[in-house]
Amino acid sequence: MREVVRSIQTTQIGRVEIVFYLDDDDDASIEQAKTLKCKTVVGPRIKLSDTYNKCAEIATGNILMECCDAVIFETPGWDVLVAAEFAKVPDKILLVFGRDGIHDGGGATLPFIHRRWMETIGRFGPPYFSCDFCDTWNYEIAQSLGRAVYLPTI
């Protein structure tokens, strides 16, 4: 948790809000989130895909990312690069993703969507994927719409 927050804070240019979903029995993570000054949703253990919905409900930004605490942001200004892609699309129905070190353009792990996407479908994503394929759902929709943008520089 500390590393992902540090990497965000040292590479962001604009304002980035960090929201974690924490299991209510994970006292160590709850305390760490307080020291990192991150927003949190604390609740019972739920399916991974639903944690993104819960976090999106309290997030205030328009660009949302499906992220986890194992991610390290390396590209300075990644937030500006992502925002620039959304600025090109008037209706904001777009999915943006960067290199993940595994698929590198062949699939959108860790995608960004706009709040407009979430409002259109009624949620960040389907709440029933326990772990794998949380990211695949939105990526396949974006591909079928011609609205998936890969940014290999992030």
C-alpha atoms as a PDB file:
ATOM      1  CA  MET A   1       0.000   0.000   0.000  1.00  0.00           C
ATOM      2  CA  ARG A   2       2.781   2.392   0.949  1.00  0.00           C
ATOM      3  CA  GLU A   3       4.672   1.729  -2.298  1.00  0.00           C
ATOM      4  CA  VAL A   4       1.746   2.296  -4.648  1.00  0.00           C
ATOM      5  CA  VAL A   5       0.874   5.548  -2.864  1.00  0.00           C
ATOM      6  CA  ARG A   6       4.505   6.707  -2.953  1.00  0.00           C
ATOM      7  CA  SER A   7       4.786   5.902  -6.663  1.00  0.00           C
ATOM      8  CA  ILE A   8       1.575   7.807  -7.440  1.00  0.00           C
ATOM      9  CA  GLN A   9       2.647  10.828  -5.443  1.00  0.00           C
ATOM     10  CA  THR A  10       6.122  10.997  -6.988  1.00  0.00           C
ATOM     11  CA  THR A  11       4.908  10.708 -10.599  1.00  0.00           C
ATOM     12  CA  GLN A  12       1.598  12.588 -10.678  1.00  0.00           C
ATOM     13  CA  ILE A  13       1.399  16.139 -11.964  1.00  0.00           C
ATOM     14  CA  GLY A  14      -2.244  16.914 -11.244  1.00  0.00           C
ATOM     15  CA  ARG A  15      -4.510  16.012  -8.361  1.00  0.00           C
ATOM     16  CA  VAL A  16      -4.930  12.265  -7.838  1.00  0.00           C
ATOM     17  CA  GLU A  17      -7.291  10.834  -5.257  1.00  0.00           C
ATOM     18  CA  ILE A  18      -6.474   7.389  -3.850  1.00  0.00           C
ATOM     19  CA  VAL A  19      -9.273   5.187  -2.534  1.00  0.00           C
ATOM     20  CA  PHE A  20      -8.724   1.726  -1.049  1.00  0.00           C
ATOM     21  CA  TYR A  21     -11.268  -0.942  -0.187  1.00  0.00           C
ATOM     22  CA  LEU A  22     -10.134  -2.578   3.055  1.00  0.00           C
ATOM     23  CA  ASP A  23     -11.530  -5.653   4.716  1.00  0.00           C
ATOM     24  CA  ASP A  24     -12.933  -4.729   8.119  1.00  0.00           C
ATOM     25  CA  ASP A  25     -10.713  -7.305   9.848  1.00  0.00           C
ATOM     26  CA  ASP A  26      -7.473  -5.942   8.327  1.00  0.00           C
ATOM     27  CA  ASP A  27      -6.440  -3.632  11.157  1.00  0.00           C
ATOM     28  CA  ALA A  28      -2.896  -3.142   9.852  1.00  0.00           C
ATOM     29  CA  SER A  29      -4.090  -1.876   6.451  1.00  0.00           C
ATOM     30  CA  ILE A  30      -6.742   0.329   8.046  1.00  0.00           C
ATOM     31  CA  GLU A  31      -4.075   1.990  10.208  1.00  0.00           C
ATOM     32  CA  GLN A  32      -1.655   2.313   7.285  1.00  0.00           C
ATOM     33  CA  ALA A  33      -4.295   4.005   5.119  1.00  0.00           C
ATOM     34  CA  LYS A  34      -4.790   6.577   7.876  1.00  0.00           C
ATOM     35  CA  THR A  35      -1.078   7.426   7.931  1.00  0.00           C
ATOM     36  CA  LEU A  36      -1.054   7.680   4.130  1.00  0.00           C
ATOM     37  CA  LYS A  37      -4.107   9.970   4.206  1.00  0.00           C
ATOM     38  CA  CYS A  38      -6.017   7.902   1.657  1.00  0.00           C
ATOM     39  CA  LYS A  39      -9.760   7.586   1.392  1.00  0.00           C
ATOM     40  CA  THR A  40     -11.022   4.173   2.375  1.00  0.00           C
ATOM     41  CA  VAL A  41     -14.086   2.016   2.218  1.00  0.00           C
ATOM     42  CA  VAL A  42     -13.961  -0.447   5.105  1.00  0.00           C
ATOM     43  CA  GLY A  43     -16.319  -3.389   4.970  1.00  0.00           C
ATOM     44  CA  PRO A  44     -16.666  -7.139   4.894  1.00  0.00           C
ATOM     45  CA  ARG A  45     -14.683  -9.251   2.460  1.00  0.00           C
ATOM     46  CA  ILE A  46     -16.495  -9.050  -0.877  1.00  0.00           C
ATOM     47  CA  LYS A  47     -15.710 -10.049  -4.426  1.00  0.00           C
ATOM     48  CA  LEU A  48     -12.759  -8.167  -5.908  1.00  0.00           C
ATOM     49  CA  SER A  49     -14.753  -6.674  -8.761  1.00  0.00           C
ATOM     50  CA  ASP A  50     -17.272  -5.220  -6.325  1.00  0.00           C
ATOM     51  CA  THR A  51     -14.514  -3.463  -4.367  1.00  0.00           C
ATOM     52  CA  TYR A  52     -13.985  -1.224  -7.412  1.00  0.00           C
ATOM     53  CA  ASN A  53     -17.677  -0.317  -7.393  1.00  0.00           C
ATOM     54  CA  LYS A  54     -17.538   0.575  -3.698  1.00  0.00           C
ATOM     55  CA  CYS A  55     -14.442   2.742  -4.159  1.00  0.00           C
ATOM     56  CA  ALA A  56     -15.905   4.475  -7.221  1.00  0.00           C
ATOM     57  CA  GLU A  57     -18.986   5.413  -5.181  1.00  0.00           C
ATOM     58  CA  ILE A  58     -16.921   7.631  -2.862  1.00  0.00           C
ATOM     59  CA  ALA A  59     -14.330   8.830  -5.374  1.00  0.00           C
ATOM     60  CA  THR A  60     -14.788  12.427  -6.465  1.00  0.00           C
ATOM     61  CA  GLY A  61     -12.737  12.447  -9.673  1.00  0.00           C
ATOM     62  CA  ASN A  62     -14.008  11.864 -13.171  1.00  0.00           C
ATOM     63  CA  ILE A  63     -11.281   9.479 -14.303  1.00  0.00           C
ATOM     64  CA  LEU A  64     -11.265   6.222 -12.366  1.00  0.00           C
ATOM     65  CA  MET A  65      -8.705   3.431 -12.389  1.00  0.00           C
ATOM     66  CA  GLU A  66      -9.023  -0.234 -11.615  1.00  0.00           C
ATOM     67  CA  CYS A  67      -5.858  -0.540  -9.565  1.00  0.00           C
ATOM     68  CA  CYS A  68      -4.420  -2.582  -6.724  1.00  0.00           C
ATOM     69  CA  ASP A  69      -1.746  -2.213  -4.100  1.00  0.00           C
ATOM     70  CA  ALA A  70       0.805  -4.169  -6.169  1.00  0.00           C
ATOM     71  CA  VAL A  71       1.060  -1.480  -8.863  1.00  0.00           C
ATOM     72  CA  ILE A  72       4.030   0.841  -9.187  1.00  0.00           C
ATOM     73  CA  PHE A  73       3.627   3.998 -11.270  1.00  0.00           C
ATOM     74  CA  GLU A  74       6.848   4.825 -13.113  1.00  0.00           C
ATOM     75  CA  THR A  75       5.989   7.412 -15.770  1.00  0.00           C
ATOM     76  CA  PRO A  76       6.162  11.043 -14.649  1.00  0.00           C
ATOM     77  CA  GLY A  77       2.930  12.789 -15.643  1.00  0.00           C
ATOM     78  CA  TRP A  78       1.011   9.592 -16.350  1.00  0.00           C
ATOM     79  CA  ASP A  79      -2.122  11.304 -15.019  1.00  0.00           C
ATOM     80  CA  VAL A  80      -1.845  14.108 -17.581  1.00  0.00           C
ATOM     81  CA  LEU A  81      -1.289  11.620 -20.418  1.00  0.00           C
ATOM     82  CA  VAL A  82      -4.399   9.660 -19.435  1.00  0.00           C
ATOM     83  CA  ALA A  83      -6.509  12.825 -19.054  1.00  0.00           C
ATOM     84  CA  ALA A  84      -5.402  13.986 -22.510  1.00  0.00           C
ATOM     85  CA  GLU A  85      -6.883  10.845 -24.078  1.00  0.00           C
ATOM     86  CA  PHE A  86     -10.241  11.412 -22.387  1.00  0.00           C
ATOM     87  CA  ALA A  87     -10.191  15.046 -23.522  1.00  0.00           C
ATOM     88  CA  LYS A  88     -10.207  13.814 -27.140  1.00  0.00           C
ATOM     89  CA  VAL A  89     -13.538  11.993 -26.726  1.00  0.00           C
ATOM     90  CA  PRO A  90     -16.585  14.242 -26.234  1.00  0.00           C
ATOM     91  CA  ASP A  91     -18.825  11.575 -24.650  1.00  0.00           C
ATOM     92  CA  LYS A  92     -15.963  10.220 -22.458  1.00  0.00           C
ATOM     93  CA  ILE A  93     -16.905   6.607 -23.224  1.00  0.00           C
ATOM     94  CA  LEU A  94     -13.346   5.359 -23.395  1.00  0.00           C
ATOM     95  CA  LEU A  95     -11.006   2.902 -21.728  1.00  0.00           C
ATOM     96  CA  VAL A  96      -7.328   3.849 -21.463  1.00  0.00           C
ATOM     97  CA  PHE A  97      -4.545   1.553 -20.348  1.00  0.00           C
ATOM     98  CA  GLY A  98      -0.781   1.349 -20.254  1.00  0.00           C
ATOM     99  CA  ARG A  99       1.943  -1.249 -20.007  1.00  0.00           C
ATOM    100  CA  ASP A 100       1.478  -3.821 -17.287  1.00  0.00           C
ATOM    101  CA  GLY A 101       4.629  -5.881 -17.848  1.00  0.00           C
ATOM    102  CA  ILE A 102       2.556  -8.921 -18.783  1.00  0.00           C
ATOM    103  CA  HIS A 103       0.210  -8.183 -21.682  1.00  0.00           C
ATOM    104  CA  ASP A 104       1.688  -4.833 -22.773  1.00  0.00           C
ATOM    105  CA  GLY A 105      -1.141  -3.834 -25.064  1.00  0.00           C
ATOM    106  CA  GLY A 106      -2.666  -7.281 -25.503  1.00  0.00           C
ATOM    107  CA  GLY A 107      -5.143  -6.736 -22.695  1.00  0.00           C
ATOM    108  CA  ALA A 108      -6.161  -3.934 -20.415  1.00  0.00           C
ATOM    109  CA  THR A 109      -5.183  -4.849 -16.915  1.00  0.00           C
ATOM    110  CA  LEU A 110      -5.410  -1.784 -14.677  1.00  0.00           C
ATOM    111  CA  PRO A 111      -7.640   0.269 -16.995  1.00  0.00           C
ATOM    112  CA  PHE A 112      -8.880   3.820 -16.611  1.00  0.00           C
ATOM    113  CA  ILE A 113     -12.496   4.679 -17.385  1.00  0.00           C
ATOM    114  CA  HIS A 114     -14.405   7.929 -17.082  1.00  0.00           C
ATOM    115  CA  ARG A 115     -17.218   8.461 -14.617  1.00  0.00           C
ATOM    116  CA  ARG A 116     -19.474   8.907 -17.664  1.00  0.00           C
ATOM    117  CA  TRP A 117     -18.821   5.235 -18.545  1.00  0.00           C
ATOM    118  CA  MET A 118     -19.761   4.223 -15.022  1.00  0.00           C
ATOM    119  CA  GLU A 119     -22.917   6.329 -15.090  1.00  0.00           C
ATOM    120  CA  THR A 120     -23.901   4.830 -18.445  1.00  0.00           C
ATOM    121  CA  ILE A 121     -23.642   1.200 -17.334  1.00  0.00           C
ATOM    122  CA  GLY A 122     -24.680   1.878 -13.741  1.00  0.00           C
ATOM    123  CA  ARG A 123     -21.467   0.734 -12.047  1.00  0.00           C
ATOM    124  CA  PHE A 124     -17.724   0.543 -12.479  1.00  0.00           C
ATOM    125  CA  GLY A 125     -17.981  -3.108 -13.436  1.00  0.00           C
ATOM    126  CA  PRO A 126     -19.818  -6.345 -12.788  1.00  0.00           C
ATOM    127  CA  PRO A 127     -19.732  -7.126  -9.056  1.00  0.00           C
ATOM    128  CA  TYR A 128     -19.384 -10.894  -9.374  1.00  0.00           C
ATOM    129  CA  PHE A 129     -15.819 -11.620 -10.522  1.00  0.00           C
ATOM    130  CA  SER A 130     -13.844 -12.996  -7.592  1.00  0.00           C
ATOM    131  CA  CYS A 131     -10.404 -12.230  -8.996  1.00  0.00           C
ATOM    132  CA  ASP A 132      -9.539 -12.908 -12.626  1.00  0.00           C
ATOM    133  CA  PHE A 133     -11.264 -11.111 -15.480  1.00  0.00           C
ATOM    134  CA  CYS A 134     -12.373  -8.065 -13.493  1.00  0.00           C
ATOM    135  CA  ASP A 135     -10.501  -5.966 -16.039  1.00  0.00           C
ATOM    136  CA  THR A 136     -11.369  -8.079 -19.078  1.00  0.00           C
ATOM    137  CA  TRP A 137     -15.074  -7.228 -18.977  1.00  0.00           C
ATOM    138  CA  ASN A 138     -14.693  -3.486 -19.566  1.00  0.00           C
ATOM    139  CA  TYR A 139     -11.786  -4.024 -21.968  1.00  0.00           C
ATOM    140  CA  GLU A 140     -13.834  -6.306 -24.222  1.00  0.00           C
ATOM    141  CA  ILE A 141     -16.684  -3.803 -24.238  1.00  0.00           C
ATOM    142  CA  ALA A 142     -14.281  -0.975 -25.101  1.00  0.00           C
ATOM    143  CA  GLN A 143     -12.703  -3.041 -27.889  1.00  0.00           C
ATOM    144  CA  SER A 144     -16.076  -3.859 -29.409  1.00  0.00           C
ATOM    145  CA  LEU A 145     -16.909  -0.133 -29.408  1.00  0.00           C
ATOM    146  CA  GLY A 146     -13.529   0.861 -30.834  1.00  0.00           C
ATOM    147  CA  ARG A 147     -12.925   2.805 -27.615  1.00  0.00           C
ATOM    148  CA  ALA A 148      -9.829   1.130 -26.119  1.00  0.00           C
ATOM    149  CA  VAL A 149      -6.662   3.223 -26.133  1.00  0.00           C
ATOM    150  CA  TYR A 150      -3.280   1.724 -25.273  1.00  0.00           C
ATOM    151  CA  LEU A 151      -0.606   4.124 -24.033  1.00  0.00           C
ATOM    152  CA  PRO A 152       2.691   2.209 -24.202  1.00  0.00           C
ATOM    153  CA  THR A 153       4.548   5.092 -22.569  1.00  0.00           C
ATOM    154  CA  ILE A 154       2.850   4.565 -19.188  1.00  0.00           C
END
